[in-house]
Amino acid sequence: MPDWLAELFTTKAWWGNLIYIAIYYLAAGVVHLLARMIARRLVRLSRLTPKGRELRPERRETLRAMLANVISFFAFAAATVASVGRFVTLDTLVWVVGLFSAAFGLSARPLISDVLAGIGLIFEDTFAVGEKVEMLSLEGIVEAVNLRTTLLRAPTGELYVVPNGEIRVVRNFSRGHFSIVKVTLKIAAADLNRALRLLEELGNEAVALLPNLLEPWQVLSESGLIGQQTELTLLAKARFGQAAEMRPRLLALVQERLAENGILLAD
C-alpha cells in the first residue's frame, strides 16, 4: 500500500483532511451565495462604457444570471481540485484531472456542449431576459438564461427548458425596426380606378395623420383576380410593436375617406 494511502487511514490525517475539505466547500458555498452580488457589481462596470453603448436592462439581467452561474461553477470546481490535492501529489493530481477530463468529456459531451454554448451567450447578444423569441419551433418569453439551459415561457403558460447546446437558430420578435400591417379591402370593380387613386393619395397623407406609420403604404392585389369586385391589400410599415394599435385607426381612416368620395366597400 502506498505511504500516502496508509497515512490517509490514520485517525489524525483523516480528520485533518476532512476539516480542510469542509473548509474548501464551505468557502465555495459562500462564493455561491455571493455569486449574484459579485455578478451584479461586474455588470455595473458596463456603465463606464461610452454613452450610447450602454447595455439594455434585459441584457444586464441576462449577464448577471450567466456570470453568477460561471462564478459558482468555478468555485465548486476549485474546491473539488483542492480536496483531491489533499491526498495526492501535484504530478498525480495533474494526471488524475487529465484522466477525469478525458473520461468526463466522452461521457458528458451534451452537457459540455450546453455549458460552452451558455458561456458563448455571455459574449453574444442573441436574446435577453424578457424578450419574445422562437427557438427549436418553440415560441415564448425568455424568463431566465443559465449556464446550461434557457427557460422559455410559452403563451399558453407552459415552461420550456431548452438546453443551450440545442439552440442554433433564434427568431427574436423583440428586436426589429418596424412591424407590418396588412388591411384587405373589397372594392366594386366599377370603383377600382377611383379607389386606387384615392388610396395612393391617402397613403401619403396618412404618414402625417397616423404618427406610428413610418412611410406611405403600398396598394397591392394579392389574388390578381377581378370580377364584379376585387380585393386590394394595403401593406404598411408601423413603428415596431405598434401594428395592433395602428390597425383600427388605419381602417377607420380608409373607410371614412372612401365614404366621403362615394366609394362603398363590397360585401
Foldseek 3Di string as FASTA:
>chain_A
DDPLVVVCPDPVNVVVLVVLLVVLVVVLVVQLVCLLVVQLVVLVCLVVDDPPPRDDPQLSQQSSQARSQVRSVVSVVVSVLVSVCSRDPPVVSVVVVVVVVVVCCVVPVLQVLLLVLLVVCNVDPPDGAQWWKAFPNATAGFHHRYSFWTWGAGPVGDIDTGGSSRGDDMGTLRDDFWDKAKDKFKFFPVCVVVLVVQLQVVQQVVVVVPVFFDHRWDWDQPVPDDDRIGMIMTITIGGRPCRVVCHVVVVVVSCVSCVVVVTDTDD
